[in-house]
Every structure is written in C-alpha cells, then in structure tokens.
Amino acid sequence: MSSDPEPRLVYAPDQPPQPWRNGGGQTRELLLWPPDPQAWRVRITLAQIDRSGPFSAFPGVERWFTVVEGAGVILSIDAQPVKLDCSSAPFSFDGGDPPGCTLIDGPTSDLNLMCRGGRGSLQVVHPGLDWHSPAHQRGLFSRVAGVWQDASGRRIELRADTLLWSASDTGPMIFNARSSAKDPAGYWLSYQPEQA
C-alpha cells in the first residue's frame, strides 16, 4: 500500500459550467489549488469556445492549452498565427500577453493548465507507457475510460473526462486506456513550484 494521499478525482461533466464575462464561451473548473480565488497556484479547466475573440489576460501566469474537441483554433501570438487542433501538441504561452483566438469551424473544447509561481507541463498520454515527472503536483486528464497506476502499484479506474490529481512521490505513472475511441487518450499535467 502507498503512504501517499489518495489522488483527487474530478469528473468534468459534474462540474457546473460558468459562462465567460464576454459571452464567448463557458468553463468548467476542475482544480484550483490552493482553493483561493485570489491566491491559487494551479488552475485546471475544461472550456468551450463558442465564438472567436481574445483570451483573457492572466499576468504572471504560465498557460498551457490543448484542443480536445472540434475543428480547432488559430491563435495570434506576436502577430503570428498558430493553428491548433486535436492532433496538435499542447501549446504554452504567457498568460499576461493573451492571444487573439479565431475558431476554424465552429465551437471547440479545450483543456487549460494555468500555473503561477512555478512551472507547468501538459503532455499527451501514450497509453501503456510510463510517464516520468519530477513534480510533486501532477496528474492525468482522461479522454477515454481506463486504469491509472502509480509506482507503488496503486490502481484507479477512471471514466472518460476525469481529472486525477496527485500530491505524491515522483515515481512513474501509467495509463492503460480501455479503448482507442479518442486520440490522444488523455493528457499528463504537472506543476513544480519555484524554489525559494
């Protein structure tokens, strides 16, 4: 048995959608750590973009973004277009310099990782292969049902569209997907605070 705390599980469809102030979409908040609206260090959301428009500014925040449903978006970064769709690698940018966002063909859903006072990472899951990260705050967002396992052998069954978040040792994690219905099958996320 592992001595680490049990991972937190958040099923995305259970989280109430919050409309954006500009009316351009809605967001389901999956994680806010610590749970302080003003002093959080990590925020993970699943958002739906309904219309083109600029992203909101988050000064001092490192943002990671990946498209999980829909035809995708074109972000304007330093006046350069960056096309992102479900097959694109997760993309990182400075939250204090928000890009413009143009929908390619209708609404899209996207997974967002926001980090303050440290560094984050958002990576595609390769089912059945170990994932290594030195971060103590880390987890998985599943796109299909499957089994998550850590280095101690602890196993947890996950539904599709579930966030698992763990404050654990830094051993490898693995995700065994139940199907190949969606590719990628999920995403690994991590947060490492800055050293004092």
C-alpha atoms as a PDB file:
ATOM      1  CA  MET A   1       0.000   0.000   0.000  1.00  0.00           C
ATOM      2  CA  SER A   2       1.176   3.539  -0.763  1.00  0.00           C
ATOM      3  CA  SER A   3       1.578   6.064   2.060  1.00  0.00           C
ATOM      4  CA  ASP A   4       0.827   8.921  -0.327  1.00  0.00           C
ATOM      5  CA  PRO A   5      -2.507  10.744  -0.035  1.00  0.00           C
ATOM      6  CA  GLU A   6      -5.275   9.381  -2.203  1.00  0.00           C
ATOM      7  CA  PRO A   7      -5.459  11.250  -5.520  1.00  0.00           C
ATOM      8  CA  ARG A   8      -8.293  13.689  -6.034  1.00  0.00           C
ATOM      9  CA  LEU A   9     -10.788  12.670  -8.756  1.00  0.00           C
ATOM     10  CA  VAL A  10     -12.911  15.239 -10.592  1.00  0.00           C
ATOM     11  CA  TYR A  11     -15.417  14.132 -13.249  1.00  0.00           C
ATOM     12  CA  ALA A  12     -15.698  17.034 -15.706  1.00  0.00           C
ATOM     13  CA  PRO A  13     -19.439  16.674 -16.567  1.00  0.00           C
ATOM     14  CA  ASP A  14     -20.265  17.019 -12.847  1.00  0.00           C
ATOM     15  CA  GLN A  15     -18.702  20.492 -12.680  1.00  0.00           C
ATOM     16  CA  PRO A  16     -21.157  23.318 -13.421  1.00  0.00           C
ATOM     17  CA  PRO A  17     -20.255  25.387 -16.500  1.00  0.00           C
ATOM     18  CA  GLN A  18     -19.553  29.047 -15.786  1.00  0.00           C
ATOM     19  CA  PRO A  19     -20.252  31.497 -18.643  1.00  0.00           C
ATOM     20  CA  TRP A  20     -17.464  33.846 -19.638  1.00  0.00           C
ATOM     21  CA  ARG A  21     -17.999  37.534 -18.905  1.00  0.00           C
ATOM     22  CA  ASN A  22     -17.567  38.345 -22.600  1.00  0.00           C
ATOM     23  CA  GLY A  23     -20.118  35.721 -23.662  1.00  0.00           C
ATOM     24  CA  GLY A  24     -17.582  33.895 -25.827  1.00  0.00           C
ATOM     25  CA  GLY A  25     -17.796  30.543 -24.097  1.00  0.00           C
ATOM     26  CA  GLN A  26     -18.006  28.696 -20.814  1.00  0.00           C
ATOM     27  CA  THR A  27     -15.609  26.994 -18.410  1.00  0.00           C
ATOM     28  CA  ARG A  28     -15.773  24.004 -16.094  1.00  0.00           C
ATOM     29  CA  GLU A  29     -13.228  24.381 -13.295  1.00  0.00           C
ATOM     30  CA  LEU A  30     -11.595  21.040 -12.487  1.00  0.00           C
ATOM     31  CA  LEU A  31      -8.946  22.147  -9.990  1.00  0.00           C
ATOM     32  CA  LEU A  32      -7.995  25.261  -8.055  1.00  0.00           C
ATOM     33  CA  TRP A  33      -5.006  24.766  -5.758  1.00  0.00           C
ATOM     34  CA  PRO A  34      -4.862  26.080  -3.182  1.00  0.00           C
ATOM     35  CA  PRO A  35      -8.635  26.721  -3.236  1.00  0.00           C
ATOM     36  CA  ASP A  36      -8.334  30.501  -3.055  1.00  0.00           C
ATOM     37  CA  PRO A  37      -9.753  32.573  -5.943  1.00  0.00           C
ATOM     38  CA  GLN A  38      -7.070  35.232  -5.386  1.00  0.00           C
ATOM     39  CA  ALA A  39      -4.002  33.211  -4.371  1.00  0.00           C
ATOM     40  CA  TRP A  40      -4.179  29.974  -6.370  1.00  0.00           C
ATOM     41  CA  ARG A  41      -1.005  28.462  -7.831  1.00  0.00           C
ATOM     42  CA  VAL A  42      -2.575  25.910 -10.182  1.00  0.00           C
ATOM     43  CA  ARG A  43      -5.850  26.114 -12.082  1.00  0.00           C
ATOM     44  CA  ILE A  44      -7.106  23.424 -14.473  1.00  0.00           C
ATOM     45  CA  THR A  45     -10.203  23.989 -16.589  1.00  0.00           C
ATOM     46  CA  LEU A  46     -12.142  22.439 -19.437  1.00  0.00           C
ATOM     47  CA  ALA A  47     -13.525  25.238 -21.585  1.00  0.00           C
ATOM     48  CA  GLN A  48     -15.820  25.540 -24.567  1.00  0.00           C
ATOM     49  CA  ILE A  49     -15.077  28.347 -27.009  1.00  0.00           C
ATOM     50  CA  ASP A  50     -18.285  29.365 -28.788  1.00  0.00           C
ATOM     51  CA  ARG A  51     -17.037  32.332 -30.794  1.00  0.00           C
ATOM     52  CA  SER A  52     -13.828  33.994 -31.900  1.00  0.00           C
ATOM     53  CA  GLY A  53     -12.272  36.678 -29.708  1.00  0.00           C
ATOM     54  CA  PRO A  54      -9.276  37.466 -27.479  1.00  0.00           C
ATOM     55  CA  PHE A  55      -8.318  35.381 -24.473  1.00  0.00           C
ATOM     56  CA  SER A  56      -8.426  36.979 -21.024  1.00  0.00           C
ATOM     57  CA  ALA A  57      -5.186  38.303 -19.527  1.00  0.00           C
ATOM     58  CA  PHE A  58      -3.595  36.460 -16.581  1.00  0.00           C
ATOM     59  CA  PRO A  59      -0.411  38.400 -15.704  1.00  0.00           C
ATOM     60  CA  GLY A  60       2.287  36.287 -14.082  1.00  0.00           C
ATOM     61  CA  VAL A  61       0.652  33.034 -15.204  1.00  0.00           C
ATOM     62  CA  GLU A  62       2.136  30.357 -17.452  1.00  0.00           C
ATOM     63  CA  ARG A  63      -0.653  28.937 -19.610  1.00  0.00           C
ATOM     64  CA  TRP A  64      -0.902  25.592 -21.360  1.00  0.00           C
ATOM     65  CA  PHE A  65      -3.659  24.963 -23.901  1.00  0.00           C
ATOM     66  CA  THR A  66      -4.752  21.973 -25.958  1.00  0.00           C
ATOM     67  CA  VAL A  67      -7.806  21.358 -28.152  1.00  0.00           C
ATOM     68  CA  VAL A  68      -9.782  18.250 -27.141  1.00  0.00           C
ATOM     69  CA  GLU A  69     -12.908  18.538 -29.338  1.00  0.00           C
ATOM     70  CA  GLY A  70     -13.855  20.391 -32.517  1.00  0.00           C
ATOM     71  CA  ALA A  71     -12.028  21.628 -35.596  1.00  0.00           C
ATOM     72  CA  GLY A  72      -9.632  23.789 -33.606  1.00  0.00           C
ATOM     73  CA  VAL A  73      -8.471  27.371 -33.370  1.00  0.00           C
ATOM     74  CA  ILE A  74      -5.935  29.806 -34.745  1.00  0.00           C
ATOM     75  CA  LEU A  75      -4.164  31.784 -32.022  1.00  0.00           C
ATOM     76  CA  SER A  76      -2.439  35.061 -32.826  1.00  0.00           C
ATOM     77  CA  ILE A  77       0.896  35.073 -30.948  1.00  0.00           C
ATOM     78  CA  ASP A  78       3.070  38.167 -31.545  1.00  0.00           C
ATOM     79  CA  ALA A  79       1.067  38.752 -34.746  1.00  0.00           C
ATOM     80  CA  GLN A  80       1.921  35.224 -35.940  1.00  0.00           C
ATOM     81  CA  PRO A  81      -0.867  32.644 -36.494  1.00  0.00           C
ATOM     82  CA  VAL A  82      -0.612  29.343 -34.605  1.00  0.00           C
ATOM     83  CA  LYS A  83      -3.068  26.683 -35.775  1.00  0.00           C
ATOM     84  CA  LEU A  84      -4.077  24.143 -33.128  1.00  0.00           C
ATOM     85  CA  ASP A  85      -6.433  21.172 -33.409  1.00  0.00           C
ATOM     86  CA  CYS A  86      -6.930  17.829 -31.653  1.00  0.00           C
ATOM     87  CA  SER A  87      -3.788  16.403 -33.254  1.00  0.00           C
ATOM     88  CA  SER A  88      -1.565  19.319 -32.170  1.00  0.00           C
ATOM     89  CA  ALA A  89       0.834  19.119 -29.242  1.00  0.00           C
ATOM     90  CA  PRO A  90      -0.190  21.134 -26.165  1.00  0.00           C
ATOM     91  CA  PHE A  91       0.847  24.774 -26.520  1.00  0.00           C
ATOM     92  CA  SER A  92       2.325  27.082 -23.861  1.00  0.00           C
ATOM     93  CA  PHE A  93       2.192  30.887 -23.759  1.00  0.00           C
ATOM     94  CA  ASP A  94       2.488  33.851 -21.400  1.00  0.00           C
ATOM     95  CA  GLY A  95      -0.886  34.479 -19.761  1.00  0.00           C
ATOM     96  CA  GLY A  96      -0.016  38.166 -19.381  1.00  0.00           C
ATOM     97  CA  ASP A  97       0.126  38.560 -23.174  1.00  0.00           C
ATOM     98  CA  PRO A  98      -3.140  36.877 -24.230  1.00  0.00           C
ATOM     99  CA  PRO A  99      -3.553  35.886 -27.871  1.00  0.00           C
ATOM    100  CA  GLY A 100      -6.467  36.511 -30.155  1.00  0.00           C
ATOM    101  CA  CYS A 101      -8.408  33.329 -30.936  1.00  0.00           C
ATOM    102  CA  THR A 102     -10.217  32.513 -34.199  1.00  0.00           C
ATOM    103  CA  LEU A 103     -12.373  29.399 -34.457  1.00  0.00           C
ATOM    104  CA  ILE A 104     -11.619  27.287 -37.525  1.00  0.00           C
ATOM    105  CA  ASP A 105     -15.060  25.704 -37.980  1.00  0.00           C
ATOM    106  CA  GLY A 106     -17.469  26.038 -35.070  1.00  0.00           C
ATOM    107  CA  PRO A 107     -17.121  25.665 -31.305  1.00  0.00           C
ATOM    108  CA  THR A 108     -14.212  23.804 -29.729  1.00  0.00           C
ATOM    109  CA  SER A 109     -13.451  22.390 -26.309  1.00  0.00           C
ATOM    110  CA  ASP A 110     -10.016  22.790 -24.778  1.00  0.00           C
ATOM    111  CA  LEU A 111      -8.065  21.759 -21.695  1.00  0.00           C
ATOM    112  CA  ASN A 112      -6.227  24.542 -19.874  1.00  0.00           C
ATOM    113  CA  LEU A 113      -3.446  24.393 -17.288  1.00  0.00           C
ATOM    114  CA  MET A 114      -2.547  27.699 -15.597  1.00  0.00           C
ATOM    115  CA  CYS A 115       0.455  27.951 -13.257  1.00  0.00           C
ATOM    116  CA  ARG A 116       1.573  30.797 -11.013  1.00  0.00           C
ATOM    117  CA  GLY A 117       4.839  30.878  -9.066  1.00  0.00           C
ATOM    118  CA  GLY A 118       6.268  27.819 -10.761  1.00  0.00           C
ATOM    119  CA  ARG A 119       6.442  25.808 -13.957  1.00  0.00           C
ATOM    120  CA  GLY A 120       3.820  23.601 -15.500  1.00  0.00           C
ATOM    121  CA  SER A 121       3.700  20.901 -18.123  1.00  0.00           C
ATOM    122  CA  LEU A 122       0.935  19.441 -20.282  1.00  0.00           C
ATOM    123  CA  GLN A 123       1.823  16.355 -22.332  1.00  0.00           C
ATOM    124  CA  VAL A 124      -0.010  13.806 -24.440  1.00  0.00           C
ATOM    125  CA  VAL A 125      -0.582  10.399 -22.837  1.00  0.00           C
ATOM    126  CA  HIS A 126       0.896   7.386 -24.611  1.00  0.00           C
ATOM    127  CA  PRO A 127      -1.235   4.525 -23.214  1.00  0.00           C
ATOM    128  CA  GLY A 128       0.712   1.710 -21.602  1.00  0.00           C
ATOM    129  CA  LEU A 129       3.965   3.699 -21.360  1.00  0.00           C
ATOM    130  CA  ASP A 130       5.428   5.074 -18.130  1.00  0.00           C
ATOM    131  CA  TRP A 131       5.306   8.839 -17.655  1.00  0.00           C
ATOM    132  CA  HIS A 132       8.023  10.432 -15.540  1.00  0.00           C
ATOM    133  CA  SER A 133       7.925  13.875 -13.932  1.00  0.00           C
ATOM    134  CA  PRO A 134       9.982  15.401 -11.095  1.00  0.00           C
ATOM    135  CA  ALA A 135       6.974  17.441  -9.963  1.00  0.00           C
ATOM    136  CA  HIS A 136       5.111  16.537  -6.762  1.00  0.00           C
ATOM    137  CA  GLN A 137       1.848  18.098  -8.022  1.00  0.00           C
ATOM    138  CA  ARG A 138       0.793  16.145 -11.077  1.00  0.00           C
ATOM    139  CA  GLY A 139      -1.999  14.193 -12.632  1.00  0.00           C
ATOM    140  CA  LEU A 140      -3.938  12.925 -15.595  1.00  0.00           C
ATOM    141  CA  PHE A 141      -6.937  14.078 -17.600  1.00  0.00           C
ATOM    142  CA  SER A 142      -8.504  11.045 -19.260  1.00  0.00           C
ATOM    143  CA  ARG A 143     -10.285  11.347 -22.598  1.00  0.00           C
ATOM    144  CA  VAL A 144     -11.335   7.688 -22.535  1.00  0.00           C
ATOM    145  CA  ALA A 145     -12.020   5.246 -19.707  1.00  0.00           C
ATOM    146  CA  GLY A 146      -9.035   3.354 -18.380  1.00  0.00           C
ATOM    147  CA  VAL A 147      -6.822   2.474 -15.438  1.00  0.00           C
ATOM    148  CA  TRP A 148      -4.268   4.813 -13.847  1.00  0.00           C
ATOM    149  CA  GLN A 149      -1.411   3.267 -11.879  1.00  0.00           C
ATOM    150  CA  ASP A 150       1.462   4.753  -9.864  1.00  0.00           C
ATOM    151  CA  ALA A 151       4.890   3.403  -8.923  1.00  0.00           C
ATOM    152  CA  SER A 152       3.533   1.724  -5.765  1.00  0.00           C
ATOM    153  CA  GLY A 153       1.136  -0.373  -7.829  1.00  0.00           C
ATOM    154  CA  ARG A 154      -1.939   1.549  -6.720  1.00  0.00           C
ATOM    155  CA  ARG A 155      -4.586   1.355  -9.468  1.00  0.00           C
ATOM    156  CA  ILE A 156      -7.636   3.549 -10.008  1.00  0.00           C
ATOM    157  CA  GLU A 157     -10.370   3.038 -12.603  1.00  0.00           C
ATOM    158  CA  LEU A 158     -11.218   6.277 -14.406  1.00  0.00           C
ATOM    159  CA  ARG A 159     -14.179   7.286 -16.514  1.00  0.00           C
ATOM    160  CA  ALA A 160     -13.615   9.341 -19.637  1.00  0.00           C
ATOM    161  CA  ASP A 161     -13.191  13.083 -18.981  1.00  0.00           C
ATOM    162  CA  THR A 162     -11.892  12.661 -15.428  1.00  0.00           C
ATOM    163  CA  LEU A 163      -9.090  14.643 -13.804  1.00  0.00           C
ATOM    164  CA  LEU A 164      -6.912  12.715 -11.378  1.00  0.00           C
ATOM    165  CA  TRP A 165      -4.630  14.996  -9.334  1.00  0.00           C
ATOM    166  CA  SER A 166      -1.969  13.650  -7.001  1.00  0.00           C
ATOM    167  CA  ALA A 167       0.485  15.092  -4.478  1.00  0.00           C
ATOM    168  CA  SER A 168       2.742  12.066  -4.409  1.00  0.00           C
ATOM    169  CA  ASP A 169       6.252  10.779  -4.767  1.00  0.00           C
ATOM    170  CA  THR A 170       7.921  11.340  -8.118  1.00  0.00           C
ATOM    171  CA  GLY A 171       7.817   7.764  -9.375  1.00  0.00           C
ATOM    172  CA  PRO A 172       6.390   6.963 -12.809  1.00  0.00           C
ATOM    173  CA  MET A 173       2.686   6.865 -13.605  1.00  0.00           C
ATOM    174  CA  ILE A 174       0.952   4.910 -16.343  1.00  0.00           C
ATOM    175  CA  PHE A 175      -2.472   4.991 -18.008  1.00  0.00           C
ATOM    176  CA  ASN A 176      -3.941   1.940 -19.714  1.00  0.00           C
ATOM    177  CA  ALA A 177      -6.810   3.056 -21.943  1.00  0.00           C
ATOM    178  CA  ARG A 178      -9.858   0.822 -22.343  1.00  0.00           C
ATOM    179  CA  SER A 179     -10.303   1.837 -25.990  1.00  0.00           C
ATOM    180  CA  SER A 180      -8.786   3.868 -28.803  1.00  0.00           C
ATOM    181  CA  ALA A 181     -12.012   5.809 -29.373  1.00  0.00           C
ATOM    182  CA  LYS A 182     -10.172   9.105 -28.900  1.00  0.00           C
ATOM    183  CA  ASP A 183      -6.614  10.012 -29.733  1.00  0.00           C
ATOM    184  CA  PRO A 184      -4.941  11.295 -27.619  1.00  0.00           C
ATOM    185  CA  ALA A 185      -6.391   9.102 -24.871  1.00  0.00           C
ATOM    186  CA  GLY A 186      -5.523  11.727 -22.293  1.00  0.00           C
ATOM    187  CA  TYR A 187      -3.012  14.279 -21.027  1.00  0.00           C
ATOM    188  CA  TRP A 188      -0.430  14.325 -18.249  1.00  0.00           C
ATOM    189  CA  LEU A 189      -0.284  17.556 -16.225  1.00  0.00           C
ATOM    190  CA  SER A 190       2.245  18.759 -13.659  1.00  0.00           C
ATOM    191  CA  TYR A 191       3.182  21.776 -11.557  1.00  0.00           C
ATOM    192  CA  GLN A 192       6.547  22.427  -9.887  1.00  0.00           C
ATOM    193  CA  PRO A 193       6.774  25.458  -7.543  1.00  0.00           C
ATOM    194  CA  GLU A 194       9.730  27.784  -7.854  1.00  0.00           C
ATOM    195  CA  GLN A 195      12.495  27.073  -5.350  1.00  0.00           C
ATOM    196  CA  ALA A 196      12.747  29.671  -2.571  1.00  0.00           C
END
